Amino acid sequence: MSKSKLPALLTIPEVATVARAAESSVRHWLASGTLASVRPGRRRLVRRADLAAFLETPVEDLELATTPA
């Protein structure tokens, strides 16, 4: 499994993968305001810096585990 640096804005499934949580948990964090997000259009996205602050992890240490193609 390789690791790649995260993009500046993350989708809910990406946040769930990084946080090792269910997508429903991420949606709850967003709905309750515990985790900040933005809505450019209809999609809800989370800034990498906001996720790092939520997880209390330095931004540069956040990685998204991906499977090789």
PDB file of N, CA and C in Angstrom:
ATOM      1  N   MET A   1       0.863  -1.177   0.000  1.00  0.00           N
ATOM      2  CA  MET A   1       0.000   0.000   0.000  1.00  0.00           C
ATOM      3  C   MET A   1       0.905   1.234   0.000  1.00  0.00           C
ATOM      4  N   SER A   2       0.730   2.102  -0.968  1.00  0.00           N
ATOM      5  CA  SER A   2       1.543   3.312  -1.021  1.00  0.00           C
ATOM      6  C   SER A   2       0.788   4.455  -0.362  1.00  0.00           C
ATOM      7  N   LYS A   3       1.527   5.487  -0.019  1.00  0.00           N
ATOM      8  CA  LYS A   3       0.909   6.654   0.621  1.00  0.00           C
ATOM      9  C   LYS A   3       1.147   7.859  -0.257  1.00  0.00           C
ATOM     10  N   SER A   4       0.165   8.750  -0.306  1.00  0.00           N
ATOM     11  CA  SER A   4       0.317   9.977  -1.074  1.00  0.00           C
ATOM     12  C   SER A   4      -0.099  11.154  -0.202  1.00  0.00           C
ATOM     13  N   LYS A   5       0.478  12.307  -0.485  1.00  0.00           N
ATOM     14  CA  LYS A   5       0.104  13.511   0.251  1.00  0.00           C
ATOM     15  C   LYS A   5      -1.330  13.884  -0.103  1.00  0.00           C
ATOM     16  N   LEU A   6      -2.010  14.481   0.828  1.00  0.00           N
ATOM     17  CA  LEU A   6      -3.414  14.831   0.644  1.00  0.00           C
ATOM     18  C   LEU A   6      -3.572  16.105  -0.170  1.00  0.00           C
ATOM     19  N   PRO A   7      -4.656  16.199  -0.939  1.00  0.00           N
ATOM     20  CA  PRO A   7      -4.966  17.462  -1.626  1.00  0.00           C
ATOM     21  C   PRO A   7      -5.419  18.509  -0.612  1.00  0.00           C
ATOM     22  N   ALA A   8      -5.517  19.750  -1.041  1.00  0.00           N
ATOM     23  CA  ALA A   8      -5.904  20.847  -0.155  1.00  0.00           C
ATOM     24  C   ALA A   8      -7.336  20.686   0.364  1.00  0.00           C
ATOM     25  N   LEU A   9      -8.220  20.144  -0.469  1.00  0.00           N
ATOM     26  CA  LEU A   9      -9.613  19.919  -0.076  1.00  0.00           C
ATOM     27  C   LEU A   9      -9.932  18.436  -0.205  1.00  0.00           C
ATOM     28  N   LEU A  10     -10.582  17.899   0.814  1.00  0.00           N
ATOM     29  CA  LEU A  10     -10.872  16.468   0.866  1.00  0.00           C
ATOM     30  C   LEU A  10     -12.372  16.200   0.821  1.00  0.00           C
ATOM     31  N   THR A  11     -12.746  15.115   0.174  1.00  0.00           N
ATOM     32  CA  THR A  11     -14.140  14.685   0.158  1.00  0.00           C
ATOM     33  C   THR A  11     -14.436  13.951   1.466  1.00  0.00           C
ATOM     34  N   ILE A  12     -15.693  13.704   1.728  1.00  0.00           N
ATOM     35  CA  ILE A  12     -16.090  12.991   2.944  1.00  0.00           C
ATOM     36  C   ILE A  12     -15.480  11.585   2.985  1.00  0.00           C
ATOM     37  N   PRO A  13     -15.496  10.821   1.880  1.00  0.00           N
ATOM     38  CA  PRO A  13     -14.844   9.501   1.935  1.00  0.00           C
ATOM     39  C   PRO A  13     -13.337   9.593   2.220  1.00  0.00           C
ATOM     40  N   GLU A  14     -12.663  10.599   1.687  1.00  0.00           N
ATOM     41  CA  GLU A  14     -11.238  10.775   1.957  1.00  0.00           C
ATOM     42  C   GLU A  14     -10.996  11.102   3.427  1.00  0.00           C
ATOM     43  N   VAL A  15     -11.836  11.970   3.992  1.00  0.00           N
ATOM     44  CA  VAL A  15     -11.714  12.316   5.411  1.00  0.00           C
ATOM     45  C   VAL A  15     -11.916  11.063   6.264  1.00  0.00           C
ATOM     46  N   ALA A  16     -12.903  10.256   5.906  1.00  0.00           N
ATOM     47  CA  ALA A  16     -13.169   9.029   6.658  1.00  0.00           C
ATOM     48  C   ALA A  16     -11.966   8.092   6.607  1.00  0.00           C
ATOM     49  N   THR A  17     -11.324   7.985   5.455  1.00  0.00           N
ATOM     50  CA  THR A  17     -10.152   7.121   5.315  1.00  0.00           C
ATOM     51  C   THR A  17      -9.010   7.612   6.188  1.00  0.00           C
ATOM     52  N   VAL A  18      -8.721   8.902   6.123  1.00  0.00           N
ATOM     53  CA  VAL A  18      -7.622   9.470   6.907  1.00  0.00           C
ATOM     54  C   VAL A  18      -7.898   9.343   8.399  1.00  0.00           C
ATOM     55  N   ALA A  19      -9.131   9.633   8.799  1.00  0.00           N
ATOM     56  CA  ALA A  19      -9.494   9.597  10.220  1.00  0.00           C
ATOM     57  C   ALA A  19      -9.758   8.177  10.716  1.00  0.00           C
ATOM     58  N   ARG A  20      -9.809   7.225   9.775  1.00  0.00           N
ATOM     59  CA  ARG A  20     -10.137   5.836  10.110  1.00  0.00           C
ATOM     60  C   ARG A  20     -11.462   5.766  10.851  1.00  0.00           C
ATOM     61  N   ALA A  21     -12.448   6.411  10.246  1.00  0.00           N
ATOM     62  CA  ALA A  21     -13.790   6.479  10.830  1.00  0.00           C
ATOM     63  C   ALA A  21     -14.808   6.219   9.725  1.00  0.00           C
ATOM     64  N   ALA A  22     -16.016   5.957  10.113  1.00  0.00           N
ATOM     65  CA  ALA A  22     -17.092   5.750   9.151  1.00  0.00           C
ATOM     66  C   ALA A  22     -17.507   7.083   8.532  1.00  0.00           C
ATOM     67  N   GLU A  23     -17.968   7.029   7.289  1.00  0.00           N
ATOM     68  CA  GLU A  23     -18.456   8.245   6.637  1.00  0.00           C
ATOM     69  C   GLU A  23     -19.590   8.870   7.433  1.00  0.00           C
ATOM     70  N   SER A  24     -20.411   8.056   8.062  1.00  0.00           N
ATOM     71  CA  SER A  24     -21.508   8.600   8.876  1.00  0.00           C
ATOM     72  C   SER A  24     -20.970   9.405  10.058  1.00  0.00           C
ATOM     73  N   SER A  25     -19.846   8.979  10.618  1.00  0.00           N
ATOM     74  CA  SER A  25     -19.231   9.736  11.708  1.00  0.00           C
ATOM     75  C   SER A  25     -18.738  11.082  11.203  1.00  0.00           C
ATOM     76  N   VAL A  26     -18.116  11.084  10.017  1.00  0.00           N
ATOM     77  CA  VAL A  26     -17.629  12.335   9.434  1.00  0.00           C
ATOM     78  C   VAL A  26     -18.805  13.274   9.190  1.00  0.00           C
ATOM     79  N   ARG A  27     -19.901  12.750   8.648  1.00  0.00           N
ATOM     80  CA  ARG A  27     -21.084  13.581   8.405  1.00  0.00           C
ATOM     81  C   ARG A  27     -21.636  14.146   9.715  1.00  0.00           C
ATOM     82  N   HIS A  28     -21.591  13.367  10.778  1.00  0.00           N
ATOM     83  CA  HIS A  28     -22.038  13.848  12.089  1.00  0.00           C
ATOM     84  C   HIS A  28     -21.134  14.975  12.580  1.00  0.00           C
ATOM     85  N   TRP A  29     -19.808  14.810  12.451  1.00  0.00           N
ATOM     86  CA  TRP A  29     -18.868  15.857  12.859  1.00  0.00           C
ATOM     87  C   TRP A  29     -19.133  17.142  12.093  1.00  0.00           C
ATOM     88  N   LEU A  30     -19.450  17.014  10.797  1.00  0.00           N
ATOM     89  CA  LEU A  30     -19.721  18.196   9.977  1.00  0.00           C
ATOM     90  C   LEU A  30     -21.041  18.850  10.392  1.00  0.00           C
ATOM     91  N   ALA A  31     -22.074  18.046  10.580  1.00  0.00           N
ATOM     92  CA  ALA A  31     -23.394  18.578  10.940  1.00  0.00           C
ATOM     93  C   ALA A  31     -23.374  19.258  12.303  1.00  0.00           C
ATOM     94  N   SER A  32     -22.574  18.729  13.230  1.00  0.00           N
ATOM     95  CA  SER A  32     -22.519  19.300  14.573  1.00  0.00           C
ATOM     96  C   SER A  32     -21.565  20.485  14.670  1.00  0.00           C
ATOM     97  N   GLY A  33     -20.781  20.711  13.609  1.00  0.00           N
ATOM     98  CA  GLY A  33     -19.834  21.822  13.622  1.00  0.00           C
ATOM     99  C   GLY A  33     -18.511  21.478  14.283  1.00  0.00           C
ATOM    100  N   THR A  34     -18.333  20.236  14.677  1.00  0.00           N
ATOM    101  CA  THR A  34     -17.091  19.801  15.294  1.00  0.00           C
ATOM    102  C   THR A  34     -15.932  19.862  14.298  1.00  0.00           C
ATOM    103  N   LEU A  35     -16.224  19.564  13.040  1.00  0.00           N
ATOM    104  CA  LEU A  35     -15.240  19.611  11.957  1.00  0.00           C
ATOM    105  C   LEU A  35     -15.726  20.630  10.933  1.00  0.00           C
ATOM    106  N   ALA A  36     -14.879  21.604  10.619  1.00  0.00           N
ATOM    107  CA  ALA A  36     -15.247  22.665   9.672  1.00  0.00           C
ATOM    108  C   ALA A  36     -15.197  22.139   8.239  1.00  0.00           C
ATOM    109  N   SER A  37     -16.035  22.723   7.376  1.00  0.00           N
ATOM    110  CA  SER A  37     -16.052  22.344   5.961  1.00  0.00           C
ATOM    111  C   SER A  37     -16.461  23.534   5.113  1.00  0.00           C
ATOM    112  N   VAL A  38     -16.304  23.368   3.810  1.00  0.00           N
ATOM    113  CA  VAL A  38     -16.731  24.389   2.850  1.00  0.00           C
ATOM    114  C   VAL A  38     -17.646  23.726   1.830  1.00  0.00           C
ATOM    115  N   ARG A  39     -18.484  24.546   1.187  1.00  0.00           N
ATOM    116  CA  ARG A  39     -19.391  24.016   0.167  1.00  0.00           C
ATOM    117  C   ARG A  39     -19.234  24.798  -1.125  1.00  0.00           C
ATOM    118  N   PRO A  40     -18.244  24.438  -1.936  1.00  0.00           N
ATOM    119  CA  PRO A  40     -18.138  25.071  -3.255  1.00  0.00           C
ATOM    120  C   PRO A  40     -19.121  24.374  -4.203  1.00  0.00           C
ATOM    121  N   GLY A  41     -20.273  24.952  -4.377  1.00  0.00           N
ATOM    122  CA  GLY A  41     -21.321  24.279  -5.149  1.00  0.00           C
ATOM    123  C   GLY A  41     -22.108  23.357  -4.234  1.00  0.00           C
ATOM    124  N   ARG A  42     -22.378  22.146  -4.704  1.00  0.00           N
ATOM    125  CA  ARG A  42     -23.193  21.210  -3.932  1.00  0.00           C
ATOM    126  C   ARG A  42     -22.367  20.253  -3.071  1.00  0.00           C
ATOM    127  N   ARG A  43     -21.066  20.139  -3.357  1.00  0.00           N
ATOM    128  CA  ARG A  43     -20.227  19.199  -2.600  1.00  0.00           C
ATOM    129  C   ARG A  43     -19.754  19.805  -1.288  1.00  0.00           C
ATOM    130  N   ARG A  44     -19.651  18.987  -0.280  1.00  0.00           N
ATOM    131  CA  ARG A  44     -19.093  19.433   0.997  1.00  0.00           C
ATOM    132  C   ARG A  44     -17.670  18.905   1.069  1.00  0.00           C
ATOM    133  N   LEU A  45     -16.716  19.827   1.248  1.00  0.00           N
ATOM    134  CA  LEU A  45     -15.305  19.471   1.298  1.00  0.00           C
ATOM    135  C   LEU A  45     -14.680  19.972   2.596  1.00  0.00           C
ATOM    136  N   VAL A  46     -13.637  19.289   3.027  1.00  0.00           N
ATOM    137  CA  VAL A  46     -12.939  19.633   4.266  1.00  0.00           C
ATOM    138  C   VAL A  46     -11.528  20.071   3.900  1.00  0.00           C
ATOM    139  N   ARG A  47     -11.127  21.218   4.417  1.00  0.00           N
ATOM    140  CA  ARG A  47      -9.753  21.684   4.195  1.00  0.00           C
ATOM    141  C   ARG A  47      -8.783  20.779   4.946  1.00  0.00           C
ATOM    142  N   ARG A  48      -7.659  20.497   4.325  1.00  0.00           N
ATOM    143  CA  ARG A  48      -6.632  19.657   4.945  1.00  0.00           C
ATOM    144  C   ARG A  48      -6.221  20.223   6.309  1.00  0.00           C
ATOM    145  N   ALA A  49      -6.055  21.535   6.400  1.00  0.00           N
ATOM    146  CA  ALA A  49      -5.653  22.168   7.661  1.00  0.00           C
ATOM    147  C   ALA A  49      -6.722  21.979   8.738  1.00  0.00           C
ATOM    148  N   ASP A  50      -8.012  22.053   8.357  1.00  0.00           N
ATOM    149  CA  ASP A  50      -9.092  21.848   9.328  1.00  0.00           C
ATOM    150  C   ASP A  50      -9.106  20.412   9.838  1.00  0.00           C
ATOM    151  N   LEU A  51      -8.848  19.460   8.935  1.00  0.00           N
ATOM    152  CA  LEU A  51      -8.793  18.059   9.355  1.00  0.00           C
ATOM    153  C   LEU A  51      -7.606  17.835  10.286  1.00  0.00           C
ATOM    154  N   ALA A  52      -6.468  18.434   9.963  1.00  0.00           N
ATOM    155  CA  ALA A  52      -5.280  18.298  10.813  1.00  0.00           C
ATOM    156  C   ALA A  52      -5.546  18.854  12.210  1.00  0.00           C
ATOM    157  N   ALA A  53      -6.197  20.005  12.278  1.00  0.00           N
ATOM    158  CA  ALA A  53      -6.525  20.602  13.581  1.00  0.00           C
ATOM    159  C   ALA A  53      -7.499  19.703  14.346  1.00  0.00           C
ATOM    160  N   PHE A  54      -8.486  19.166  13.649  1.00  0.00           N
ATOM    161  CA  PHE A  54      -9.466  18.275  14.271  1.00  0.00           C
ATOM    162  C   PHE A  54      -8.785  17.027  14.832  1.00  0.00           C
ATOM    163  N   LEU A  55      -7.852  16.477  14.075  1.00  0.00           N
ATOM    164  CA  LEU A  55      -7.146  15.265  14.499  1.00  0.00           C
ATOM    165  C   LEU A  55      -5.934  15.565  15.382  1.00  0.00           C
ATOM    166  N   GLU A  56      -5.650  16.863  15.567  1.00  0.00           N
ATOM    167  CA  GLU A  56      -4.482  17.308  16.335  1.00  0.00           C
ATOM    168  C   GLU A  56      -3.208  16.679  15.785  1.00  0.00           C
ATOM    169  N   THR A  57      -3.058  16.754  14.447  1.00  0.00           N
ATOM    170  CA  THR A  57      -1.914  16.203  13.728  1.00  0.00           C
ATOM    171  C   THR A  57      -1.331  17.292  12.847  1.00  0.00           C
ATOM    172  N   PRO A  58      -0.006  17.417  12.753  1.00  0.00           N
ATOM    173  CA  PRO A  58       0.577  18.397  11.836  1.00  0.00           C
ATOM    174  C   PRO A  58       0.132  18.126  10.394  1.00  0.00           C
ATOM    175  N   VAL A  59      -0.176  19.179   9.665  1.00  0.00           N
ATOM    176  CA  VAL A  59      -0.680  19.055   8.295  1.00  0.00           C
ATOM    177  C   VAL A  59       0.244  18.211   7.438  1.00  0.00           C
ATOM    178  N   GLU A  60       1.556  18.414   7.558  1.00  0.00           N
ATOM    179  CA  GLU A  60       2.491  17.691   6.700  1.00  0.00           C
ATOM    180  C   GLU A  60       2.540  16.194   7.001  1.00  0.00           C
ATOM    181  N   ASP A  61       2.011  15.759   8.133  1.00  0.00           N
ATOM    182  CA  ASP A  61       1.998  14.340   8.477  1.00  0.00           C
ATOM    183  C   ASP A  61       0.756  13.606   7.979  1.00  0.00           C
ATOM    184  N   LEU A  62      -0.235  14.334   7.486  1.00  0.00           N
ATOM    185  CA  LEU A  62      -1.451  13.685   6.999  1.00  0.00           C
ATOM    186  C   LEU A  62      -1.178  13.048   5.651  1.00  0.00           C
ATOM    187  N   GLU A  63      -1.537  11.774   5.523  1.00  0.00           N
ATOM    188  CA  GLU A  63      -1.373  11.052   4.271  1.00  0.00           C
ATOM    189  C   GLU A  63      -2.612  10.228   4.021  1.00  0.00           C
ATOM    190  N   LEU A  64      -2.858   9.975   2.756  1.00  0.00           N
ATOM    191  CA  LEU A  64      -3.997   9.155   2.350  1.00  0.00           C
ATOM    192  C   LEU A  64      -3.443   7.823   1.847  1.00  0.00           C
ATOM    193  N   ALA A  65      -3.780   6.746   2.504  1.00  0.00           N
ATOM    194  CA  ALA A  65      -3.317   5.425   2.076  1.00  0.00           C
ATOM    195  C   ALA A  65      -4.054   5.045   0.802  1.00  0.00           C
ATOM    196  N   THR A  66      -3.312   4.673  -0.204  1.00  0.00           N
ATOM    197  CA  THR A  66      -3.912   4.263  -1.471  1.00  0.00           C
ATOM    198  C   THR A  66      -3.356   2.914  -1.862  1.00  0.00           C
ATOM    199  N   THR A  67      -4.125   2.189  -2.634  1.00  0.00           N
ATOM    200  CA  THR A  67      -3.647   0.907  -3.131  1.00  0.00           C
ATOM    201  C   THR A  67      -2.980   1.123  -4.480  1.00  0.00           C
ATOM    202  N   PRO A  68      -1.932   0.375  -4.797  1.00  0.00           N
ATOM    203  CA  PRO A  68      -1.280   0.556  -6.080  1.00  0.00           C
ATOM    204  C   PRO A  68      -2.202   0.184  -7.228  1.00  0.00           C
ATOM    205  N   ALA A  69      -2.077   0.901  -8.325  1.00  0.00           N
ATOM    206  CA  ALA A  69      -2.966   0.662  -9.490  1.00  0.00           C
ATOM    207  C   ALA A  69      -2.550  -0.573 -10.252  1.00  0.00           C
TER     208      ALA A  69
END
